[in-house]
Amino acid sequence: MPVYAIRCGERGPIKLGVAGNPQGRLIELQVAHFETLVLLRAWEGGEAEEAELHRQFSHARIRGEWHQLRENELDAITLPLVWKPEPPVEPVKAEPVKPEPIKIDLPPPVDVAGIVESRRLELGLSRLAVARRAGLNETYVRDLVVGRSTNQKTIHLRALAAALELSPEVLTNPTFPAPSGEVA
């Protein structure tokens, strides 16, 4: 398994370690460092050689596997590079794929305003009377009927259906058949 020497910055401390892929280890370490890390050397040696280097340079140990080595000490470990990393793989640049629009067949929306107004007139009720029966504000009912409001919460539609003596599905479910004689 390759032993490596990675330096932090131009003259910073050196990490002496062992890794199956020293270049990959460099990338992992770089994530946590604000200074650029450089792989100085990597050579076949294994854990025994790593342990020997840690013992040899214990006087220069900062923390863990990081050491502040003098240049002459560094020369002792800058052996010829024996381990050869795999060449980097060039990413394949694919043309962006433009997604096809998805067509969804939705049922036509319920004509809530038409049903409410038609049923209100059929029952002979004013908009105020419908609003009071439903426990809603008269302005809400008026705005809904004239198309100024799109606030069609299910709870409000159920209240309107009850006030107009209709099944709630008439106002909330577009596939529910409208009662005969009513606008759908």
N, C-alpha and C. Protein backbone atom coordinates (compact mmCIF):
# COMPACT_ATOMS: atom_id res chain seq x y z
N MET A 1 0.86 -1.17 0.00
CA MET A 1 0.00 0.00 0.00
C MET A 1 0.91 1.23 0.00
N PRO A 2 0.62 2.24 -0.81
CA PRO A 2 1.47 3.41 -0.92
C PRO A 2 1.53 4.23 0.38
N VAL A 3 2.75 4.71 0.66
CA VAL A 3 2.98 5.69 1.72
C VAL A 3 3.04 7.03 1.01
N TYR A 4 2.54 8.09 1.64
CA TYR A 4 2.53 9.39 0.96
C TYR A 4 3.03 10.49 1.89
N ALA A 5 3.44 11.59 1.26
CA ALA A 5 3.82 12.82 1.95
C ALA A 5 3.02 13.94 1.27
N ILE A 6 2.15 14.57 2.04
CA ILE A 6 1.31 15.66 1.52
C ILE A 6 1.68 16.92 2.29
N ARG A 7 1.97 18.00 1.56
CA ARG A 7 2.33 19.27 2.20
C ARG A 7 1.16 20.24 2.16
N CYS A 8 1.03 21.01 3.23
CA CYS A 8 0.01 22.06 3.34
C CYS A 8 0.67 23.38 2.98
N GLY A 9 0.26 23.99 1.90
CA GLY A 9 0.84 25.26 1.47
C GLY A 9 2.24 25.08 0.91
N GLU A 10 2.97 26.22 0.76
CA GLU A 10 4.31 26.16 0.17
C GLU A 10 5.37 25.66 1.15
N ARG A 11 5.25 26.03 2.41
CA ARG A 11 6.25 25.65 3.40
C ARG A 11 5.61 25.09 4.67
N GLY A 12 4.35 24.66 4.56
CA GLY A 12 3.62 24.21 5.73
C GLY A 12 3.95 22.80 6.16
N PRO A 13 3.23 22.33 7.15
CA PRO A 13 3.46 20.99 7.68
C PRO A 13 3.18 19.91 6.63
N ILE A 14 3.73 18.74 6.89
CA ILE A 14 3.61 17.61 5.97
C ILE A 14 2.91 16.46 6.69
N LYS A 15 1.96 15.87 5.99
CA LYS A 15 1.25 14.71 6.54
C LYS A 15 1.90 13.46 5.96
N LEU A 16 2.32 12.58 6.84
CA LEU A 16 2.89 11.30 6.43
C LEU A 16 1.85 10.24 6.72
N GLY A 17 1.42 9.55 5.69
CA GLY A 17 0.36 8.56 5.88
C GLY A 17 0.44 7.45 4.87
N VAL A 18 -0.55 6.58 4.92
CA VAL A 18 -0.64 5.45 4.01
C VAL A 18 -2.07 5.40 3.49
N ALA A 19 -2.21 5.13 2.18
CA ALA A 19 -3.54 5.06 1.58
C ALA A 19 -3.46 4.26 0.29
N GLY A 20 -4.51 3.54 -0.01
CA GLY A 20 -4.58 2.79 -1.26
C GLY A 20 -4.53 3.69 -2.47
N ASN A 21 -5.05 4.90 -2.32
CA ASN A 21 -5.08 5.87 -3.42
C ASN A 21 -4.65 7.22 -2.86
N PRO A 22 -3.35 7.54 -2.87
CA PRO A 22 -2.88 8.81 -2.31
C PRO A 22 -3.52 10.04 -2.95
N GLN A 23 -3.76 10.00 -4.25
CA GLN A 23 -4.39 11.15 -4.91
C GLN A 23 -5.82 11.33 -4.38
N GLY A 24 -6.53 10.24 -4.17
CA GLY A 24 -7.87 10.32 -3.59
C GLY A 24 -7.82 10.85 -2.17
N ARG A 25 -6.80 10.43 -1.41
CA ARG A 25 -6.63 10.91 -0.03
C ARG A 25 -6.36 12.41 -0.04
N LEU A 26 -5.55 12.88 -0.98
CA LEU A 26 -5.28 14.31 -1.11
C LEU A 26 -6.58 15.08 -1.30
N ILE A 27 -7.43 14.57 -2.16
CA ILE A 27 -8.72 15.24 -2.43
C ILE A 27 -9.57 15.26 -1.16
N GLU A 28 -9.62 14.15 -0.42
CA GLU A 28 -10.39 14.10 0.83
C GLU A 28 -9.88 15.14 1.83
N LEU A 29 -8.56 15.22 1.97
CA LEU A 29 -7.97 16.16 2.93
C LEU A 29 -8.17 17.61 2.51
N GLN A 30 -8.13 17.88 1.21
CA GLN A 30 -8.23 19.25 0.72
C GLN A 30 -9.56 19.90 1.11
N VAL A 31 -10.59 19.11 1.21
CA VAL A 31 -11.91 19.62 1.57
C VAL A 31 -11.86 20.38 2.90
N ALA A 32 -11.03 19.93 3.84
CA ALA A 32 -10.99 20.53 5.17
C ALA A 32 -9.88 21.57 5.34
N HIS A 33 -9.16 21.90 4.28
CA HIS A 33 -8.04 22.84 4.40
C HIS A 33 -8.27 24.08 3.56
N PHE A 34 -7.91 25.24 4.13
CA PHE A 34 -8.04 26.49 3.39
C PHE A 34 -6.82 26.73 2.49
N GLU A 35 -5.68 26.09 2.83
CA GLU A 35 -4.49 26.21 1.99
C GLU A 35 -4.46 25.03 1.01
N THR A 36 -3.79 25.25 -0.10
CA THR A 36 -3.67 24.20 -1.10
C THR A 36 -2.76 23.09 -0.58
N LEU A 37 -3.20 21.87 -0.72
CA LEU A 37 -2.39 20.71 -0.36
C LEU A 37 -1.74 20.15 -1.62
N VAL A 38 -0.50 19.63 -1.45
CA VAL A 38 0.24 19.10 -2.59
C VAL A 38 0.75 17.71 -2.23
N LEU A 39 0.54 16.77 -3.12
CA LEU A 39 1.10 15.43 -2.94
C LEU A 39 2.56 15.49 -3.38
N LEU A 40 3.49 15.46 -2.40
CA LEU A 40 4.91 15.55 -2.72
C LEU A 40 5.43 14.23 -3.26
N ARG A 41 5.11 13.16 -2.58
CA ARG A 41 5.62 11.85 -2.96
C ARG A 41 4.64 10.77 -2.51
N ALA A 42 4.67 9.68 -3.23
CA ALA A 42 3.93 8.48 -2.85
C ALA A 42 4.75 7.31 -3.36
N TRP A 43 4.96 6.32 -2.52
CA TRP A 43 5.76 5.17 -2.90
C TRP A 43 5.24 3.93 -2.20
N GLU A 44 5.53 2.79 -2.75
CA GLU A 44 5.11 1.53 -2.14
C GLU A 44 5.91 1.34 -0.86
N GLY A 45 5.21 1.07 0.24
CA GLY A 45 5.93 0.90 1.50
C GLY A 45 5.09 0.23 2.56
N GLY A 46 3.85 0.57 2.64
CA GLY A 46 2.95 -0.04 3.60
C GLY A 46 3.01 0.58 4.99
N GLU A 47 2.23 0.00 5.89
CA GLU A 47 2.07 0.54 7.24
C GLU A 47 3.36 0.48 8.06
N ALA A 48 4.21 -0.52 7.84
CA ALA A 48 5.46 -0.61 8.59
C ALA A 48 6.37 0.58 8.27
N GLU A 49 6.46 0.95 7.01
CA GLU A 49 7.30 2.10 6.64
C GLU A 49 6.69 3.39 7.15
N GLU A 50 5.37 3.49 7.11
CA GLU A 50 4.70 4.69 7.65
C GLU A 50 5.03 4.82 9.14
N ALA A 51 4.92 3.72 9.89
CA ALA A 51 5.21 3.75 11.33
C ALA A 51 6.67 4.15 11.58
N GLU A 52 7.58 3.67 10.75
CA GLU A 52 9.00 4.02 10.88
C GLU A 52 9.21 5.52 10.64
N LEU A 53 8.53 6.08 9.64
CA LEU A 53 8.63 7.52 9.39
C LEU A 53 8.10 8.33 10.58
N HIS A 54 6.99 7.89 11.15
CA HIS A 54 6.43 8.59 12.31
C HIS A 54 7.41 8.54 13.48
N ARG A 55 8.07 7.39 13.67
CA ARG A 55 9.06 7.27 14.75
C ARG A 55 10.27 8.16 14.46
N GLN A 56 10.76 8.11 13.23
CA GLN A 56 11.94 8.88 12.83
C GLN A 56 11.73 10.38 13.00
N PHE A 57 10.50 10.85 12.71
CA PHE A 57 10.23 12.29 12.76
C PHE A 57 9.32 12.67 13.93
N SER A 58 9.33 11.88 14.99
CA SER A 58 8.46 12.16 16.15
C SER A 58 8.79 13.52 16.78
N HIS A 59 10.04 13.96 16.71
CA HIS A 59 10.44 15.26 17.26
C HIS A 59 9.76 16.42 16.52
N ALA A 60 9.34 16.18 15.27
CA ALA A 60 8.73 17.25 14.46
C ALA A 60 7.20 17.12 14.38
N ARG A 61 6.66 16.19 15.16
CA ARG A 61 5.21 15.94 15.12
C ARG A 61 4.45 17.14 15.68
N ILE A 62 3.44 17.58 14.93
CA ILE A 62 2.55 18.67 15.39
C ILE A 62 1.31 18.06 16.03
N ARG A 63 0.64 17.24 15.27
CA ARG A 63 -0.57 16.55 15.74
C ARG A 63 -0.87 15.41 14.77
N GLY A 64 -1.23 14.28 15.32
CA GLY A 64 -1.58 13.13 14.48
C GLY A 64 -0.45 12.78 13.53
N GLU A 65 -0.74 12.79 12.25
CA GLU A 65 0.26 12.44 11.24
C GLU A 65 0.90 13.67 10.60
N TRP A 66 0.64 14.86 11.15
CA TRP A 66 1.19 16.11 10.61
C TRP A 66 2.51 16.44 11.30
N HIS A 67 3.53 16.78 10.49
CA HIS A 67 4.88 17.06 10.99
C HIS A 67 5.41 18.34 10.37
N GLN A 68 6.18 19.11 11.15
CA GLN A 68 6.86 20.29 10.62
C GLN A 68 8.32 19.90 10.38
N LEU A 69 8.59 19.46 9.16
CA LEU A 69 9.92 18.95 8.83
C LEU A 69 10.81 20.06 8.29
N ARG A 70 12.11 19.97 8.61
CA ARG A 70 13.10 20.87 8.02
C ARG A 70 13.38 20.37 6.60
N GLU A 71 13.93 21.23 5.76
CA GLU A 71 14.17 20.86 4.37
C GLU A 71 15.08 19.64 4.26
N ASN A 72 16.12 19.57 5.08
CA ASN A 72 17.01 18.41 4.99
C ASN A 72 16.30 17.13 5.40
N GLU A 73 15.34 17.23 6.34
CA GLU A 73 14.57 16.05 6.72
C GLU A 73 13.63 15.64 5.58
N LEU A 74 13.10 16.64 4.93
CA LEU A 74 12.20 16.37 3.80
C LEU A 74 12.96 15.64 2.69
N ASP A 75 14.21 16.02 2.48
CA ASP A 75 15.01 15.36 1.44
C ASP A 75 15.12 13.87 1.70
N ALA A 76 15.11 13.48 2.97
CA ALA A 76 15.24 12.06 3.31
C ALA A 76 14.03 11.25 2.86
N ILE A 77 12.90 11.90 2.71
CA ILE A 77 11.71 11.14 2.31
C ILE A 77 11.26 11.44 0.90
N THR A 78 11.90 12.35 0.23
CA THR A 78 11.47 12.65 -1.14
C THR A 78 12.16 11.70 -2.11
N LEU A 79 11.79 10.48 -2.00
CA LEU A 79 12.30 9.42 -2.87
C LEU A 79 11.65 9.54 -4.23
N PRO A 80 12.22 8.89 -5.24
CA PRO A 80 11.56 8.90 -6.55
C PRO A 80 10.15 8.32 -6.44
N LEU A 81 9.28 8.91 -7.19
CA LEU A 81 7.88 8.48 -7.17
C LEU A 81 7.77 7.10 -7.80
N VAL A 82 7.37 6.12 -6.98
CA VAL A 82 7.22 4.75 -7.46
C VAL A 82 5.75 4.47 -7.77
N TRP A 83 4.89 4.96 -6.89
CA TRP A 83 3.46 4.74 -7.08
C TRP A 83 2.98 5.66 -8.18
N LYS A 84 2.27 5.12 -9.14
CA LYS A 84 1.76 5.92 -10.24
C LYS A 84 0.24 5.96 -10.16
N PRO A 85 -0.32 7.15 -9.93
CA PRO A 85 -1.78 7.23 -9.86
C PRO A 85 -2.41 6.96 -11.22
N GLU A 86 -3.65 6.53 -11.17
CA GLU A 86 -4.40 6.32 -12.40
C GLU A 86 -4.58 7.66 -13.08
N PRO A 87 -4.46 7.71 -14.41
CA PRO A 87 -4.69 8.99 -15.08
C PRO A 87 -6.13 9.43 -14.88
N PRO A 88 -6.32 10.74 -14.73
CA PRO A 88 -7.70 11.21 -14.52
C PRO A 88 -8.57 10.91 -15.73
N VAL A 89 -9.80 10.61 -15.47
CA VAL A 89 -10.76 10.32 -16.52
C VAL A 89 -11.45 11.62 -16.89
N GLU A 90 -11.41 11.94 -18.15
CA GLU A 90 -12.08 13.14 -18.62
C GLU A 90 -13.60 12.93 -18.56
N PRO A 91 -14.30 13.88 -17.96
CA PRO A 91 -15.76 13.72 -17.92
C PRO A 91 -16.35 13.86 -19.33
N VAL A 92 -17.35 13.08 -19.58
CA VAL A 92 -18.03 13.13 -20.87
C VAL A 92 -19.02 14.28 -20.82
N LYS A 93 -18.90 15.15 -21.79
CA LYS A 93 -19.82 16.28 -21.85
C LYS A 93 -20.97 15.92 -22.77
N ALA A 94 -22.09 15.74 -22.18
CA ALA A 94 -23.28 15.38 -22.95
C ALA A 94 -24.09 16.63 -23.24
N GLU A 95 -24.73 16.62 -24.36
CA GLU A 95 -25.61 17.72 -24.69
C GLU A 95 -26.82 17.67 -23.76
N PRO A 96 -27.23 18.84 -23.27
CA PRO A 96 -28.41 18.82 -22.40
C PRO A 96 -29.63 18.30 -23.16
N VAL A 97 -30.39 17.52 -22.47
CA VAL A 97 -31.59 16.95 -23.06
C VAL A 97 -32.77 17.84 -22.69
N LYS A 98 -33.46 18.30 -23.70
CA LYS A 98 -34.64 19.12 -23.45
C LYS A 98 -35.81 18.18 -23.19
N PRO A 99 -36.37 18.26 -22.00
CA PRO A 99 -37.47 17.34 -21.70
C PRO A 99 -38.70 17.64 -22.55
N GLU A 100 -39.35 16.58 -22.93
CA GLU A 100 -40.60 16.72 -23.67
C GLU A 100 -41.69 17.17 -22.71
N PRO A 101 -42.54 18.07 -23.14
CA PRO A 101 -43.64 18.46 -22.26
C PRO A 101 -44.55 17.27 -21.98
N ILE A 102 -45.01 17.20 -20.76
CA ILE A 102 -45.91 16.12 -20.37
C ILE A 102 -47.33 16.64 -20.48
N LYS A 103 -48.13 15.90 -21.21
CA LYS A 103 -49.53 16.30 -21.36
C LYS A 103 -50.36 15.50 -20.37
N ILE A 104 -51.08 16.21 -19.56
CA ILE A 104 -51.95 15.57 -18.57
C ILE A 104 -53.38 15.97 -18.91
N ASP A 105 -54.19 14.98 -19.13
CA ASP A 105 -55.59 15.26 -19.39
C ASP A 105 -56.33 15.43 -18.07
N LEU A 106 -56.62 16.67 -17.75
CA LEU A 106 -57.35 16.97 -16.52
C LEU A 106 -58.81 17.22 -16.87
N PRO A 107 -59.68 16.85 -15.96
CA PRO A 107 -61.09 17.16 -16.22
C PRO A 107 -61.28 18.68 -16.18
N PRO A 108 -62.27 19.16 -16.88
CA PRO A 108 -62.50 20.60 -16.86
C PRO A 108 -62.83 21.05 -15.43
N PRO A 109 -62.44 22.25 -15.08
CA PRO A 109 -62.73 22.71 -13.72
C PRO A 109 -64.23 22.86 -13.50
N VAL A 110 -64.60 22.75 -12.25
CA VAL A 110 -66.01 22.92 -11.88
C VAL A 110 -66.34 24.41 -12.00
N ASP A 111 -67.47 24.72 -12.62
CA ASP A 111 -67.93 26.11 -12.71
C ASP A 111 -68.65 26.45 -11.41
N VAL A 112 -67.84 26.66 -10.36
CA VAL A 112 -68.39 26.91 -9.03
C VAL A 112 -69.29 28.13 -9.05
N ALA A 113 -68.82 29.21 -9.68
CA ALA A 113 -69.61 30.45 -9.70
C ALA A 113 -70.96 30.23 -10.36
N GLY A 114 -70.96 29.52 -11.50
CA GLY A 114 -72.23 29.28 -12.21
C GLY A 114 -73.18 28.42 -11.40
N ILE A 115 -72.64 27.36 -10.76
CA ILE A 115 -73.50 26.48 -9.96
C ILE A 115 -74.07 27.22 -8.76
N VAL A 116 -73.20 27.99 -8.06
CA VAL A 116 -73.67 28.72 -6.87
C VAL A 116 -74.74 29.73 -7.26
N GLU A 117 -74.48 30.50 -8.29
CA GLU A 117 -75.45 31.54 -8.69
C GLU A 117 -76.75 30.93 -9.18
N SER A 118 -76.67 29.86 -9.98
CA SER A 118 -77.86 29.21 -10.50
C SER A 118 -78.70 28.63 -9.37
N ARG A 119 -78.05 27.93 -8.44
CA ARG A 119 -78.77 27.30 -7.34
C ARG A 119 -79.35 28.35 -6.39
N ARG A 120 -78.61 29.45 -6.17
CA ARG A 120 -79.09 30.52 -5.30
C ARG A 120 -80.39 31.10 -5.86
N LEU A 121 -80.41 31.35 -7.16
CA LEU A 121 -81.61 31.90 -7.79
C LEU A 121 -82.76 30.90 -7.75
N GLU A 122 -82.43 29.60 -7.98
CA GLU A 122 -83.43 28.54 -7.95
C GLU A 122 -84.10 28.47 -6.58
N LEU A 123 -83.32 28.66 -5.50
CA LEU A 123 -83.86 28.60 -4.14
C LEU A 123 -84.45 29.94 -3.70
N GLY A 124 -84.28 30.99 -4.50
CA GLY A 124 -84.82 32.30 -4.17
C GLY A 124 -84.07 32.96 -3.01
N LEU A 125 -82.78 32.73 -2.93
CA LEU A 125 -81.97 33.28 -1.84
C LEU A 125 -81.11 34.43 -2.34
N SER A 126 -80.89 35.38 -1.46
CA SER A 126 -79.95 36.45 -1.79
C SER A 126 -78.53 35.95 -1.50
N ARG A 127 -77.52 36.66 -2.00
CA ARG A 127 -76.13 36.29 -1.71
C ARG A 127 -75.85 36.40 -0.22
N LEU A 128 -76.47 37.38 0.42
CA LEU A 128 -76.30 37.54 1.87
C LEU A 128 -76.87 36.32 2.60
N ALA A 129 -78.04 35.85 2.17
CA ALA A 129 -78.66 34.69 2.81
C ALA A 129 -77.79 33.44 2.62
N VAL A 130 -77.21 33.27 1.43
CA VAL A 130 -76.34 32.12 1.17
C VAL A 130 -75.10 32.22 2.06
N ALA A 131 -74.52 33.41 2.14
CA ALA A 131 -73.32 33.62 2.96
C ALA A 131 -73.61 33.31 4.43
N ARG A 132 -74.75 33.78 4.94
CA ARG A 132 -75.10 33.52 6.35
C ARG A 132 -75.33 32.04 6.59
N ARG A 133 -76.03 31.36 5.67
CA ARG A 133 -76.27 29.93 5.83
C ARG A 133 -74.94 29.15 5.84
N ALA A 134 -73.99 29.62 5.03
CA ALA A 134 -72.70 28.93 4.91
C ALA A 134 -71.71 29.36 5.99
N GLY A 135 -72.05 30.42 6.72
CA GLY A 135 -71.12 30.93 7.72
C GLY A 135 -69.93 31.64 7.09
N LEU A 136 -70.17 32.23 5.92
CA LEU A 136 -69.10 32.93 5.20
C LEU A 136 -69.44 34.41 5.08
N ASN A 137 -68.46 35.19 4.71
CA ASN A 137 -68.64 36.62 4.51
C ASN A 137 -69.38 36.84 3.19
N GLU A 138 -70.29 37.80 3.17
CA GLU A 138 -71.05 38.09 1.96
C GLU A 138 -70.11 38.51 0.82
N THR A 139 -69.05 39.23 1.14
CA THR A 139 -68.09 39.67 0.12
C THR A 139 -67.43 38.46 -0.54
N TYR A 140 -67.13 37.44 0.25
CA TYR A 140 -66.52 36.22 -0.31
C TYR A 140 -67.46 35.60 -1.34
N VAL A 141 -68.74 35.46 -0.99
CA VAL A 141 -69.72 34.85 -1.91
C VAL A 141 -69.85 35.70 -3.17
N ARG A 142 -69.96 37.03 -3.01
CA ARG A 142 -70.09 37.91 -4.17
C ARG A 142 -68.86 37.80 -5.07
N ASP A 143 -67.65 37.90 -4.48
CA ASP A 143 -66.41 37.83 -5.26
C ASP A 143 -66.27 36.49 -5.97
N LEU A 144 -66.73 35.42 -5.33
CA LEU A 144 -66.67 34.10 -5.93
C LEU A 144 -67.59 34.04 -7.15
N VAL A 145 -68.78 34.55 -7.02
CA VAL A 145 -69.77 34.49 -8.10
C VAL A 145 -69.39 35.38 -9.28
N VAL A 146 -68.81 36.54 -9.01
CA VAL A 146 -68.47 37.45 -10.12
C VAL A 146 -67.06 37.19 -10.66
N GLY A 147 -66.35 36.21 -10.10
CA GLY A 147 -65.05 35.82 -10.62
C GLY A 147 -63.87 36.61 -10.10
N ARG A 148 -64.04 37.40 -9.04
CA ARG A 148 -62.92 38.15 -8.46
C ARG A 148 -62.11 37.32 -7.47
N SER A 149 -62.65 36.20 -7.01
CA SER A 149 -61.95 35.38 -6.02
C SER A 149 -61.66 34.01 -6.60
N THR A 150 -60.44 33.58 -6.41
CA THR A 150 -60.08 32.22 -6.80
C THR A 150 -59.79 31.39 -5.54
N ASN A 151 -60.12 31.95 -4.39
CA ASN A 151 -59.90 31.28 -3.10
C ASN A 151 -61.01 30.26 -2.89
N GLN A 152 -60.86 29.11 -3.52
CA GLN A 152 -61.89 28.08 -3.44
C GLN A 152 -61.42 26.94 -2.55
N LYS A 153 -61.28 27.21 -1.28
CA LYS A 153 -60.87 26.17 -0.34
C LYS A 153 -62.02 25.17 -0.19
N THR A 154 -61.65 23.93 -0.05
CA THR A 154 -62.63 22.86 0.06
C THR A 154 -63.60 23.11 1.20
N ILE A 155 -63.09 23.59 2.32
CA ILE A 155 -63.98 23.83 3.48
C ILE A 155 -65.04 24.88 3.15
N HIS A 156 -64.68 25.91 2.36
CA HIS A 156 -65.66 26.93 1.98
C HIS A 156 -66.67 26.37 0.98
N LEU A 157 -66.14 25.56 0.03
CA LEU A 157 -67.05 24.98 -0.96
C LEU A 157 -68.04 24.01 -0.32
N ARG A 158 -67.59 23.26 0.66
CA ARG A 158 -68.51 22.34 1.37
C ARG A 158 -69.59 23.13 2.12
N ALA A 159 -69.19 24.25 2.73
CA ALA A 159 -70.16 25.10 3.44
C ALA A 159 -71.17 25.69 2.46
N LEU A 160 -70.69 26.13 1.30
CA LEU A 160 -71.61 26.68 0.28
C LEU A 160 -72.56 25.59 -0.22
N ALA A 161 -72.03 24.38 -0.45
CA ALA A 161 -72.88 23.28 -0.93
C ALA A 161 -73.99 22.99 0.09
N ALA A 162 -73.65 22.96 1.36
CA ALA A 162 -74.66 22.70 2.40
C ALA A 162 -75.70 23.82 2.41
N ALA A 163 -75.24 25.08 2.29
CA ALA A 163 -76.16 26.22 2.30
C ALA A 163 -77.11 26.17 1.09
N LEU A 164 -76.63 25.61 -0.01
CA LEU A 164 -77.44 25.55 -1.23
C LEU A 164 -78.13 24.19 -1.40
N GLU A 165 -78.06 23.36 -0.36
CA GLU A 165 -78.70 22.04 -0.35
C GLU A 165 -78.22 21.18 -1.51
N LEU A 166 -76.88 21.17 -1.67
CA LEU A 166 -76.25 20.37 -2.72
C LEU A 166 -75.29 19.38 -2.08
N SER A 167 -74.97 18.33 -2.80
CA SER A 167 -73.93 17.41 -2.37
C SER A 167 -72.60 18.15 -2.49
N PRO A 168 -71.69 18.03 -1.52
CA PRO A 168 -70.41 18.75 -1.60
C PRO A 168 -69.62 18.44 -2.87
N GLU A 169 -69.77 17.22 -3.39
CA GLU A 169 -69.03 16.84 -4.58
C GLU A 169 -69.40 17.68 -5.80
N VAL A 170 -70.59 18.25 -5.81
CA VAL A 170 -71.02 19.08 -6.94
C VAL A 170 -70.07 20.26 -7.11
N LEU A 171 -69.57 20.81 -5.99
CA LEU A 171 -68.67 21.96 -6.07
C LEU A 171 -67.19 21.58 -5.98
N THR A 172 -66.88 20.40 -5.51
CA THR A 172 -65.47 20.06 -5.29
C THR A 172 -64.91 19.03 -6.25
N ASN A 173 -65.76 18.26 -6.93
CA ASN A 173 -65.27 17.18 -7.77
C ASN A 173 -65.68 17.42 -9.22
N PRO A 174 -64.72 17.70 -10.11
CA PRO A 174 -65.07 18.02 -11.49
C PRO A 174 -65.70 16.85 -12.26
N THR A 175 -65.52 15.63 -11.78
CA THR A 175 -66.09 14.48 -12.50
C THR A 175 -67.47 14.12 -11.97
N PHE A 176 -67.90 14.77 -10.90
CA PHE A 176 -69.21 14.47 -10.33
C PHE A 176 -70.28 15.13 -11.20
N PRO A 177 -71.28 14.37 -11.59
CA PRO A 177 -72.31 14.98 -12.46
C PRO A 177 -73.11 16.06 -11.72
N ALA A 178 -73.27 17.16 -12.41
CA ALA A 178 -74.07 18.26 -11.84
C ALA A 178 -75.53 17.85 -11.80
N PRO A 179 -76.24 18.29 -10.77
CA PRO A 179 -77.68 17.97 -10.69
C PRO A 179 -78.39 18.51 -11.92
N SER A 180 -79.43 17.82 -12.32
CA SER A 180 -80.17 18.26 -13.51
C SER A 180 -80.76 19.62 -13.25
N GLY A 181 -80.77 20.42 -14.31
CA GLY A 181 -81.34 21.77 -14.22
C GLY A 181 -80.34 22.78 -13.68
N GLU A 182 -79.10 22.35 -13.36
CA GLU A 182 -78.13 23.29 -12.84
C GLU A 182 -77.02 23.46 -13.83
N VAL A 183 -76.36 24.60 -13.76
CA VAL A 183 -75.22 24.87 -14.62
C VAL A 183 -74.05 24.07 -14.12
N ALA A 184 -73.32 23.41 -15.05
CA ALA A 184 -72.15 22.64 -14.65
C ALA A 184 -70.90 23.15 -15.32
